[in-house]
Protein backbone atom coordinates (compact mmCIF):
# COMPACT_ATOMS: atom_id res chain seq x y z
CA MET A 1 45.32 -46.95 -137.12
CA ALA A 2 41.69 -45.83 -137.40
CA GLU A 3 40.09 -44.39 -134.29
CA ASN A 4 37.15 -46.49 -133.15
CA TYR A 5 33.79 -45.33 -131.75
CA ASP A 6 30.57 -46.95 -130.64
CA VAL A 7 28.55 -44.57 -132.80
CA ILE A 8 29.44 -42.19 -135.64
CA ILE A 9 26.77 -39.78 -136.85
CA ILE A 10 27.08 -38.11 -140.25
CA GLY A 11 25.45 -34.69 -140.09
CA SER A 12 24.89 -32.29 -137.18
CA GLY A 13 21.37 -31.05 -137.89
CA PRO A 14 18.56 -31.50 -135.33
CA GLY A 15 18.46 -35.27 -135.79
CA GLY A 16 22.23 -35.70 -135.76
CA TYR A 17 23.20 -33.50 -132.84
CA VAL A 18 20.31 -34.70 -130.64
CA ALA A 19 21.27 -38.32 -131.39
CA ALA A 20 24.86 -37.44 -130.43
CA VAL A 21 23.74 -35.84 -127.16
CA ARG A 22 21.62 -38.87 -126.25
CA ALA A 23 24.46 -41.23 -127.13
CA GLY A 24 26.81 -39.25 -124.90
CA GLN A 25 24.29 -39.36 -122.06
CA LEU A 26 24.16 -43.15 -122.37
CA GLY A 27 27.93 -43.46 -122.19
CA LEU A 28 28.51 -44.41 -125.83
CA LYS A 29 31.78 -43.24 -127.36
CA THR A 30 30.42 -40.93 -130.05
CA ALA A 31 31.60 -38.76 -132.92
CA ILE A 32 29.66 -36.51 -135.24
CA VAL A 33 30.84 -35.55 -138.72
CA GLU A 34 29.96 -32.15 -140.18
CA ARG A 35 31.04 -30.58 -143.47
CA GLU A 36 29.51 -27.12 -143.29
CA HIS A 37 27.85 -25.80 -140.15
CA LEU A 38 26.90 -27.20 -136.76
CA GLY A 39 23.13 -27.31 -136.37
CA GLY A 40 22.45 -28.12 -140.02
CA ILE A 41 19.88 -26.45 -142.24
CA CYS A 42 17.21 -26.03 -139.55
CA LEU A 43 19.30 -23.95 -137.21
CA ASN A 44 21.28 -22.04 -139.83
CA TRP A 45 18.99 -21.72 -142.84
CA GLY A 46 15.54 -23.01 -141.95
CA CYS A 47 13.43 -23.33 -138.81
CA ILE A 48 15.18 -20.83 -136.56
CA PRO A 49 16.13 -17.90 -138.84
CA THR A 50 12.75 -17.95 -140.60
CA LYS A 51 10.99 -17.64 -137.24
CA ALA A 52 13.19 -14.66 -136.41
CA LEU A 53 12.16 -13.03 -139.70
CA LEU A 54 8.50 -13.83 -139.09
CA ARG A 55 8.67 -12.33 -135.60
CA SER A 56 9.85 -9.04 -137.13
CA ALA A 57 7.01 -9.32 -139.65
CA GLU A 58 4.47 -9.94 -136.87
CA ILE A 59 5.58 -6.88 -134.94
CA LEU A 60 5.44 -4.78 -138.11
CA ASP A 61 1.92 -6.03 -138.84
CA HIS A 62 0.78 -5.08 -135.33
CA SER A 63 2.44 -1.67 -135.52
CA ASN A 64 0.52 -0.89 -138.69
CA HIS A 65 -2.77 -1.48 -136.84
CA LEU A 66 -2.08 0.39 -133.61
CA LYS A 67 -5.32 2.36 -133.88
CA ASP A 68 -7.22 -0.91 -133.50
CA TYR A 69 -5.72 -1.09 -129.98
CA GLY A 70 -6.37 2.54 -129.09
CA LEU A 71 -2.73 3.50 -129.62
CA VAL A 72 -1.26 6.40 -131.56
CA LEU A 73 2.19 6.53 -133.12
CA GLU A 74 3.40 9.61 -134.94
CA GLY A 75 4.83 8.66 -138.32
CA LYS A 76 4.90 5.35 -140.18
CA VAL A 77 6.76 2.27 -138.97
CA SER A 78 8.88 0.80 -141.76
CA ALA A 79 11.19 -2.18 -142.18
CA ASP A 80 14.97 -1.99 -142.44
CA VAL A 81 15.47 -5.28 -144.26
CA LYS A 82 19.22 -5.38 -143.58
CA ALA A 83 18.61 -4.99 -139.85
CA VAL A 84 15.83 -7.60 -139.92
CA VAL A 85 18.14 -10.06 -141.67
CA ALA A 86 21.04 -9.23 -139.32
CA ARG A 87 18.86 -10.04 -136.32
CA SER A 88 17.84 -13.34 -137.90
CA ARG A 89 21.45 -14.30 -138.61
CA GLY A 90 22.42 -13.33 -135.08
CA VAL A 91 19.82 -15.68 -133.62
CA SER A 92 21.21 -18.53 -135.72
CA ALA A 93 24.80 -17.73 -134.78
CA ARG A 94 23.94 -17.80 -131.09
CA LEU A 95 22.37 -21.25 -131.37
CA ASN A 96 25.19 -22.48 -133.57
CA GLN A 97 27.59 -21.75 -130.74
CA GLY A 98 25.30 -23.69 -128.41
CA ILE A 99 25.65 -26.87 -130.48
CA GLY A 100 29.42 -26.78 -130.00
CA TYR A 101 28.89 -26.45 -126.26
CA LEU A 102 26.52 -29.44 -126.22
CA MET A 103 29.05 -31.60 -128.05
CA LYS A 104 31.74 -30.71 -125.52
CA LYS A 105 29.41 -31.19 -122.55
CA ASN A 106 28.42 -34.68 -123.69
CA LYS A 107 31.95 -35.72 -124.69
CA VAL A 108 31.09 -36.02 -128.39
CA ASP A 109 34.01 -35.65 -130.79
CA VAL A 110 33.46 -33.37 -133.79
CA ILE A 111 35.05 -34.49 -137.06
CA TRP A 112 35.19 -31.73 -139.66
CA GLY A 113 34.91 -32.82 -143.28
CA GLU A 114 32.91 -34.92 -145.70
CA ALA A 115 32.20 -38.55 -144.83
CA LYS A 116 31.83 -41.60 -147.03
CA ILE A 117 30.89 -45.04 -145.75
CA THR A 118 33.43 -47.39 -147.32
CA LYS A 119 32.01 -50.50 -145.70
CA PRO A 120 29.75 -51.31 -142.74
CA GLY A 121 31.55 -50.04 -139.67
CA GLU A 122 33.99 -47.73 -141.48
CA ILE A 123 33.96 -44.20 -142.84
CA VAL A 124 36.59 -42.11 -144.57
CA VAL A 125 36.44 -38.37 -143.95
CA GLY A 126 37.85 -36.12 -146.64
CA LYS A 127 38.09 -32.37 -147.09
CA SER A 128 34.73 -30.66 -147.28
CA THR A 129 33.57 -29.62 -150.74
CA LYS A 130 31.02 -27.31 -149.12
CA PRO A 131 32.87 -24.33 -147.67
CA VAL A 132 31.26 -22.64 -144.71
CA VAL A 133 28.91 -19.95 -146.01
CA GLU A 134 29.60 -17.55 -143.17
CA PRO A 135 31.98 -17.58 -140.18
CA GLN A 136 31.32 -20.18 -137.53
CA HIS A 137 31.51 -19.47 -133.87
CA PRO A 138 34.61 -21.10 -132.39
CA LEU A 139 34.34 -24.85 -132.82
CA PRO A 140 34.82 -27.19 -129.89
CA LYS A 141 38.46 -27.80 -129.04
CA ASN A 142 40.26 -30.80 -130.50
CA VAL A 143 38.11 -30.98 -133.62
CA LYS A 144 39.28 -33.92 -135.70
CA GLY A 145 39.82 -33.88 -139.44
CA GLU A 146 40.44 -36.06 -142.45
CA GLY A 147 41.09 -39.75 -141.93
CA THR A 148 39.53 -43.17 -141.42
CA TYR A 149 37.21 -43.85 -138.49
CA THR A 150 35.37 -46.99 -137.41
CA ALA A 151 32.21 -47.65 -135.44
CA LYS A 152 29.83 -50.54 -134.97
CA HIS A 153 26.92 -48.19 -135.63
CA ILE A 154 26.88 -45.47 -138.31
CA ILE A 155 23.91 -43.10 -138.49
CA VAL A 156 23.24 -41.06 -141.63
CA ALA A 157 21.65 -37.71 -140.73
CA THR A 158 22.59 -35.65 -143.78
CA GLY A 159 19.28 -33.83 -144.19
CA ALA A 160 17.79 -32.52 -147.40
CA ARG A 161 18.13 -29.70 -149.89
CA PRO A 162 15.71 -27.69 -152.06
CA ARG A 163 14.24 -29.60 -154.98
CA ALA A 164 14.49 -27.97 -158.40
CA LEU A 165 12.12 -28.38 -161.33
CA PRO A 166 13.77 -28.94 -164.74
CA GLY A 167 13.99 -25.70 -166.67
CA ILE A 168 13.11 -23.61 -163.60
CA GLU A 169 16.27 -24.18 -161.59
CA PRO A 170 17.15 -21.54 -158.98
CA ASP A 171 20.07 -19.33 -160.02
CA GLY A 172 20.62 -17.41 -156.79
CA LYS A 173 19.79 -14.08 -158.42
CA LEU A 174 16.37 -14.02 -160.06
CA ILE A 175 15.06 -17.40 -158.89
CA TRP A 176 15.70 -17.97 -155.19
CA THR A 177 15.63 -20.94 -152.85
CA TYR A 178 15.11 -20.40 -149.13
CA PHE A 179 18.85 -19.66 -148.84
CA GLU A 180 18.58 -16.45 -150.86
CA ALA A 181 15.11 -15.64 -149.49
CA LEU A 182 16.55 -15.60 -145.96
CA LYS A 183 19.26 -13.07 -146.82
CA PRO A 184 17.91 -10.65 -149.41
CA ASP A 185 20.17 -7.73 -150.31
CA PHE A 186 17.08 -5.66 -150.97
CA LEU A 187 13.30 -5.92 -150.81
CA PRO A 188 11.84 -6.70 -154.22
CA LYS A 189 8.71 -4.78 -155.11
CA SER A 190 7.08 -7.96 -156.40
CA LEU A 191 7.61 -11.65 -155.74
CA LEU A 192 6.24 -14.88 -157.18
CA VAL A 193 6.31 -17.93 -154.91
CA MET A 194 6.09 -21.33 -156.60
CA GLY A 195 4.72 -23.83 -154.10
CA SER A 196 2.50 -23.29 -151.06
CA GLY A 197 3.87 -25.78 -148.55
CA ALA A 198 5.19 -24.52 -145.22
CA ILE A 199 8.33 -22.97 -146.76
CA GLY A 200 6.51 -21.21 -149.59
CA ILE A 201 3.66 -19.84 -147.46
CA GLU A 202 5.95 -18.66 -144.66
CA PHE A 203 8.08 -16.66 -147.08
CA ALA A 204 5.00 -15.38 -148.89
CA SER A 205 3.60 -14.19 -145.56
CA PHE A 206 6.88 -12.58 -144.48
CA TYR A 207 7.46 -10.66 -147.71
CA ARG A 208 3.84 -9.48 -147.80
CA SER A 209 4.28 -8.07 -144.29
CA MET A 210 7.38 -6.27 -145.58
CA GLY A 211 5.19 -4.57 -148.20
CA VAL A 212 6.04 -6.75 -151.19
CA ASP A 213 3.42 -7.57 -153.84
CA VAL A 214 3.27 -11.39 -153.51
CA THR A 215 1.73 -14.01 -155.81
CA VAL A 216 1.58 -17.70 -154.88
CA VAL A 217 1.17 -20.48 -157.44
CA GLU A 218 0.17 -23.96 -156.22
CA VAL A 219 -0.49 -27.02 -158.39
CA MET A 220 -2.81 -28.68 -155.84
CA PRO A 221 -6.44 -27.65 -155.22
CA THR A 222 -5.61 -26.06 -151.85
CA ILE A 223 -2.70 -24.18 -150.32
CA MET A 224 -0.72 -26.08 -147.68
CA PRO A 225 -1.99 -29.32 -149.29
CA VAL A 226 -1.13 -31.59 -146.34
CA GLU A 227 -3.49 -29.64 -144.09
CA ASP A 228 -7.21 -30.20 -143.56
CA ALA A 229 -9.01 -28.55 -146.48
CA GLU A 230 -11.35 -26.54 -144.23
CA ILE A 231 -8.45 -25.11 -142.22
CA SER A 232 -6.51 -24.41 -145.41
CA GLY A 233 -9.51 -22.52 -146.80
CA ILE A 234 -9.71 -20.28 -143.73
CA ALA A 235 -5.98 -19.56 -143.94
CA ARG A 236 -6.30 -18.71 -147.62
CA LYS A 237 -9.06 -16.18 -146.98
CA GLN A 238 -6.97 -14.46 -144.33
CA LEU A 239 -3.85 -14.42 -146.52
CA GLU A 240 -5.83 -12.99 -149.43
CA LYS A 241 -7.33 -10.39 -147.08
CA ARG A 242 -3.75 -9.32 -146.35
CA GLY A 243 -3.20 -8.79 -150.06
CA LEU A 244 -1.62 -12.04 -151.27
CA LYS A 245 -2.70 -13.22 -154.71
CA ILE A 246 -3.10 -17.01 -154.77
CA PHE A 247 -3.55 -19.37 -157.71
CA THR A 248 -4.41 -23.02 -157.00
CA LYS A 249 -4.75 -25.84 -159.53
CA ALA A 250 -2.10 -23.92 -161.44
CA LYS A 251 1.48 -24.56 -162.44
CA VAL A 252 4.47 -22.61 -163.67
CA THR A 253 5.35 -24.11 -167.05
CA LYS A 254 8.08 -21.70 -168.12
CA VAL A 255 10.12 -18.82 -166.73
CA GLU A 256 11.67 -16.10 -168.88
CA LYS A 257 14.47 -14.11 -167.29
CA GLY A 258 14.95 -10.42 -167.85
CA ALA A 259 17.79 -8.19 -166.72
CA ASN A 260 16.29 -7.75 -163.26
CA SER A 261 12.95 -9.60 -163.30
CA ILE A 262 11.26 -12.83 -164.31
CA THR A 263 8.13 -13.57 -166.29
CA ALA A 264 6.40 -16.79 -165.34
CA HIS A 265 4.00 -18.59 -167.64
CA VAL A 266 1.26 -19.89 -165.35
CA GLU A 267 -1.16 -22.50 -166.66
CA THR A 268 -4.48 -22.53 -164.82
CA GLU A 269 -7.03 -25.31 -164.40
CA ASP A 270 -8.91 -24.36 -167.57
CA GLY A 271 -5.75 -24.72 -169.67
CA LYS A 272 -5.27 -20.99 -170.14
CA VAL A 273 -1.81 -19.49 -169.68
CA GLN A 274 -1.20 -16.10 -168.18
CA GLN A 275 2.10 -14.32 -167.78
CA ILE A 276 3.08 -12.95 -164.38
CA THR A 277 6.09 -10.66 -164.11
CA ALA A 278 7.87 -10.19 -160.79
CA ASP A 279 11.19 -8.84 -159.58
CA ARG A 280 12.09 -12.16 -157.99
CA MET A 281 10.77 -15.71 -157.69
CA ILE A 282 11.08 -18.25 -154.87
CA SER A 283 11.13 -21.93 -155.82
CA ALA A 284 9.52 -23.77 -152.92
CA VAL A 285 8.50 -27.05 -154.52
CA GLY A 286 9.79 -29.31 -151.77
CA VAL A 287 13.11 -30.83 -150.74
CA GLN A 288 15.05 -34.00 -151.52
CA GLY A 289 17.29 -36.10 -149.33
CA ASN A 290 21.07 -35.74 -149.39
CA ILE A 291 21.87 -39.38 -150.20
CA GLU A 292 24.59 -38.85 -152.80
CA ASN A 293 28.34 -39.44 -152.34
CA LEU A 294 27.90 -41.29 -149.05
CA GLY A 295 28.68 -44.76 -150.37
CA LEU A 296 25.12 -45.95 -149.77
CA GLU A 297 24.48 -47.22 -153.28
CA ALA A 298 27.67 -49.31 -153.37
CA LEU A 299 26.74 -50.88 -150.04
CA GLY A 300 23.25 -51.77 -151.26
CA VAL A 301 21.39 -49.50 -148.85
CA LYS A 302 17.79 -49.34 -150.02
CA THR A 303 16.41 -45.95 -151.05
CA ASP A 304 13.04 -44.78 -152.32
CA ARG A 305 12.33 -41.51 -154.15
CA GLY A 306 15.58 -39.94 -153.01
CA CYS A 307 15.36 -40.99 -149.35
CA VAL A 308 16.82 -43.83 -147.29
CA VAL A 309 14.34 -46.55 -146.36
CA ILE A 310 14.26 -47.32 -142.62
CA ASP A 311 12.15 -49.11 -140.05
CA GLY A 312 10.65 -47.42 -136.97
CA TYR A 313 14.03 -47.49 -135.20
CA GLY A 314 16.12 -45.97 -138.00
CA LYS A 315 17.57 -49.27 -139.22
CA THR A 316 18.32 -49.67 -142.92
CA ASN A 317 18.48 -53.00 -144.73
CA VAL A 318 22.27 -53.08 -144.14
CA ALA A 319 23.38 -54.10 -140.65
CA GLY A 320 25.11 -51.34 -138.70
CA ILE A 321 23.86 -48.52 -140.93
CA TYR A 322 20.98 -46.29 -139.84
CA ALA A 323 19.29 -43.12 -141.08
CA ILE A 324 17.22 -40.43 -139.37
CA GLY A 325 15.60 -37.11 -140.21
CA ASP A 326 14.91 -35.61 -143.62
CA VAL A 327 17.25 -38.02 -145.43
CA ALA A 328 14.99 -40.84 -144.16
CA GLY A 329 11.85 -39.37 -145.71
CA PRO A 330 8.73 -37.44 -144.76
CA PRO A 331 7.49 -35.77 -142.77
CA MET A 332 10.62 -33.68 -143.18
CA LEU A 333 10.43 -31.83 -139.88
CA ALA A 334 13.12 -31.05 -137.32
CA HIS A 335 11.15 -32.43 -134.37
CA LYS A 336 10.57 -35.70 -136.21
CA ALA A 337 14.32 -35.91 -136.84
CA GLU A 338 15.11 -35.30 -133.16
CA HIS A 339 12.68 -37.99 -132.04
CA GLU A 340 14.02 -40.47 -134.58
CA GLY A 341 17.54 -39.74 -133.34
CA VAL A 342 16.66 -40.50 -129.72
CA VAL A 343 14.73 -43.67 -130.65
CA CYS A 344 17.61 -44.89 -132.83
CA ILE A 345 20.24 -44.35 -130.13
CA GLU A 346 18.17 -45.89 -127.35
CA LYS A 347 17.56 -48.97 -129.50
CA ILE A 348 21.30 -49.22 -130.24
CA ALA A 349 22.07 -48.88 -126.51
CA GLY A 350 19.70 -51.73 -125.74
CA LEU A 351 17.29 -49.78 -123.54
CA PRO A 352 14.09 -51.69 -122.73
CA ASN A 353 10.68 -50.69 -124.05
CA VAL A 354 11.90 -48.44 -126.87
CA HIS A 355 8.89 -47.62 -129.03
CA PRO A 356 9.26 -47.08 -132.79
CA THR A 357 8.56 -43.64 -134.18
CA ASP A 358 4.85 -43.19 -134.91
CA LYS A 359 4.64 -40.73 -137.80
CA SER A 360 0.89 -40.39 -137.37
CA LYS A 361 1.54 -38.43 -134.17
CA VAL A 362 4.07 -35.97 -135.60
CA PRO A 363 2.62 -32.43 -135.47
CA GLY A 364 3.05 -29.97 -138.31
CA CYS A 365 3.29 -26.20 -137.92
CA THR A 366 3.28 -23.36 -140.43
CA TYR A 367 4.26 -19.97 -139.01
CA CYS A 368 2.56 -17.70 -141.50
CA ASN A 369 -0.02 -15.08 -140.52
CA PRO A 370 -2.41 -16.70 -139.59
CA GLN A 371 -0.54 -19.66 -138.11
CA VAL A 372 -1.59 -23.21 -138.96
CA ALA A 373 -0.94 -26.35 -136.87
CA SER A 374 -2.15 -29.93 -136.99
CA VAL A 375 -1.63 -33.52 -135.90
CA GLY A 376 -3.17 -36.78 -137.03
CA LEU A 377 -5.79 -37.44 -139.70
CA THR A 378 -7.59 -34.78 -141.67
CA GLU A 379 -11.35 -35.16 -142.05
CA ALA A 380 -10.89 -36.37 -145.63
CA LYS A 381 -8.25 -38.95 -144.65
CA ALA A 382 -10.41 -40.27 -141.80
CA LYS A 383 -13.30 -40.78 -144.21
CA GLU A 384 -10.99 -42.43 -146.77
CA GLN A 385 -10.06 -44.95 -144.09
CA GLY A 386 -13.73 -45.75 -143.60
CA ARG A 387 -13.86 -44.29 -140.09
CA ASP A 388 -17.19 -43.37 -138.55
CA ILE A 389 -16.30 -39.95 -137.15
CA ARG A 390 -17.48 -37.05 -135.06
CA VAL A 391 -16.18 -33.58 -136.00
CA GLY A 392 -16.08 -30.62 -133.64
CA ARG A 393 -15.31 -27.01 -134.43
CA PHE A 394 -14.90 -23.84 -132.42
CA SER A 395 -14.28 -20.39 -133.88
CA PHE A 396 -12.05 -17.80 -132.24
CA VAL A 397 -14.85 -15.25 -132.71
CA ALA A 398 -16.42 -16.77 -129.59
CA ASN A 399 -13.21 -16.89 -127.56
CA GLY A 400 -12.77 -14.02 -125.10
CA LYS A 401 -8.95 -14.03 -125.10
CA ALA A 402 -8.74 -14.06 -128.90
CA ILE A 403 -11.15 -11.12 -129.08
CA ALA A 404 -9.13 -9.21 -126.46
CA LEU A 405 -5.96 -9.87 -128.48
CA GLY A 406 -7.61 -8.59 -131.63
CA GLU A 407 -7.00 -12.05 -133.14
CA ASP A 408 -10.50 -13.47 -133.51
CA GLN A 409 -10.06 -14.98 -136.98
CA GLY A 410 -9.22 -18.60 -136.28
CA MET A 411 -10.65 -22.02 -135.58
CA VAL A 412 -9.97 -25.33 -133.84
CA LYS A 413 -11.23 -28.50 -135.49
CA VAL A 414 -11.10 -31.97 -133.94
CA ILE A 415 -11.92 -35.40 -135.34
CA PHE A 416 -12.94 -38.35 -133.15
CA ASP A 417 -13.73 -41.99 -133.81
CA LYS A 418 -17.44 -42.19 -133.07
CA LYS A 419 -17.26 -45.74 -131.68
CA THR A 420 -14.19 -45.52 -129.44
CA GLY A 421 -13.83 -41.81 -128.63
CA GLU A 422 -10.24 -41.90 -129.94
CA LEU A 423 -8.88 -38.51 -131.01
CA LEU A 424 -7.91 -39.08 -134.64
CA GLY A 425 -6.83 -35.58 -135.61
CA ALA A 426 -6.69 -31.95 -134.55
CA HIS A 427 -6.34 -28.95 -136.83
CA MET A 428 -5.99 -25.26 -136.01
CA VAL A 429 -5.65 -21.90 -137.70
CA GLY A 430 -5.15 -18.60 -135.92
CA ALA A 431 -3.03 -16.79 -133.37
CA GLU A 432 -0.39 -18.89 -131.57
CA VAL A 433 -1.87 -22.22 -132.63
CA THR A 434 1.67 -23.54 -133.16
CA GLU A 435 2.08 -23.26 -129.38
CA LEU A 436 -1.30 -24.88 -128.68
CA ILE A 437 -1.07 -27.99 -130.86
CA GLN A 438 1.19 -29.79 -128.39
CA GLY A 439 -1.82 -30.20 -126.08
CA PHE A 440 -3.53 -32.42 -128.62
CA VAL A 441 -0.26 -34.23 -129.40
CA VAL A 442 0.11 -35.15 -125.72
CA ALA A 443 -3.53 -36.25 -125.62
CA MET A 444 -3.10 -38.51 -128.65
CA ASN A 445 0.13 -39.97 -127.28
CA LEU A 446 -1.61 -40.82 -124.00
CA GLU A 447 -4.59 -42.28 -125.90
CA THR A 448 -6.87 -39.76 -124.22
CA THR A 449 -10.58 -40.11 -124.95
CA GLU A 450 -13.14 -37.39 -125.58
CA GLU A 451 -14.54 -37.88 -122.06
CA GLU A 452 -11.18 -37.15 -120.45
CA LEU A 453 -10.66 -34.07 -122.61
CA MET A 454 -14.12 -32.74 -121.77
CA HIS A 455 -13.37 -33.12 -118.06
CA THR A 456 -10.01 -31.35 -118.31
CA ILE A 457 -10.07 -27.83 -116.84
CA PHE A 458 -8.57 -25.24 -119.20
CA PRO A 459 -7.52 -21.85 -117.77
CA HIS A 460 -9.65 -18.80 -118.49
CA PRO A 461 -9.23 -16.55 -120.33
CA THR A 462 -6.96 -18.29 -122.83
CA VAL A 463 -7.10 -19.13 -126.51
CA SER A 464 -6.57 -22.76 -125.42
CA GLU A 465 -10.18 -22.87 -124.21
CA SER A 466 -11.10 -23.17 -127.89
CA MET A 467 -9.54 -26.62 -127.81
CA LYS A 468 -11.94 -27.87 -125.17
CA GLU A 469 -14.91 -26.16 -126.80
CA ALA A 470 -14.14 -27.90 -130.10
CA VAL A 471 -14.15 -31.25 -128.29
CA LEU A 472 -17.48 -30.36 -126.64
CA ASP A 473 -18.87 -29.36 -130.03
CA ALA A 474 -18.06 -32.80 -131.48
CA TYR A 475 -20.44 -34.27 -128.87
CA GLY A 476 -23.17 -31.62 -128.98
CA ARG A 477 -22.12 -30.04 -125.68
CA VAL A 478 -20.42 -26.79 -126.73
CA LEU A 479 -20.91 -24.10 -124.08
CA ASN A 480 -19.89 -20.80 -125.65
CA ALA A 481 -21.19 -20.88 -129.18
């Protein structure tokens, strides 16, 4: 007889495991199905390990400019790539173990294997076809295995995987995805990165810090195309100052493989093609949802461009089946997945006043050097919507803390509705802006006006003062510029 649950979640990434924790907190009998590694891509192969790599890169960058801080170090600081990677993997392993603890603490059963929804309310779990890439920490006790399980509510949280362009498919040796880029056996002397979204730019920044000759090719007019064009332009100048070569309005049309290198044919805006040879290439042209082999098509679950279609609460068009996170479409960000998971569970549990996920208030962060962070509308999008806007800017060159840190190349940009004072968007580039953006996210969520922001006292000296100054600038009241 099949074991019955209130909720079964397929996938233990950020969306899945957070949904499971919230379900456990609300007293729902819950199980989570995983085929490969607790914590999903973000914890094991994405958000967390890349930040560990980038931290090593940041320290290396600072150590190579010690004289700027009045410090002297005898000899040159260099990178031991194997040790850098080992630290990164250790960080992931530690958090992986934590997911198992959270499942046990919240009385969530872990079912190990590959799930298929055979009908609404029922899944069959078979043996995983995706063997664990590296040893797991001990799994929670009493892990369940293959069999049939039932639940009134089934949540698909299967995440996404790297997208491949026809004819330029990653091979794991010469053309990498983020999997191989996270665990290089050696440092290539040269690297071509195809795509300048968050993944591409973060790896480009990391490998440049490691001393690699890096070239980035982007088909759109600007790097990090989802960002405000002005902020993107500042980031580009700083990246190029660090030695990155960047081609925009360009595309890789063909890749020739040598014994230990690739030659990419890059077509530029004017139609000319130039050949760029590099030891390795990273394909970072986006990701696609893992919707296959789940039984969704047979059940008539609606999908669009490789992702499950949902409403603001995670509901699909088929009763009892939900989806959250990357598999449910952009923005494909871990924190969006977590929020969707909580909203979905609270709606299932019947909690009052559950608000649907508002994607317009999901912040985005890119952890390159310099960092980039944003929330809400860009200036161009606000104008496209016909908004009458006020725009404020404040440069880090006028911020005392940024100057003291030796990190004065950055800017905060804010966009307000001129009629209502509503904060429509905030965009930042520079040191630690990924830690600062949450201030504007909170303000937008609370529907804070420009007047309230201008009367908020920011601590001095901090980089965060640039946030207030940008708001003041939008209304002709800037104090320090």
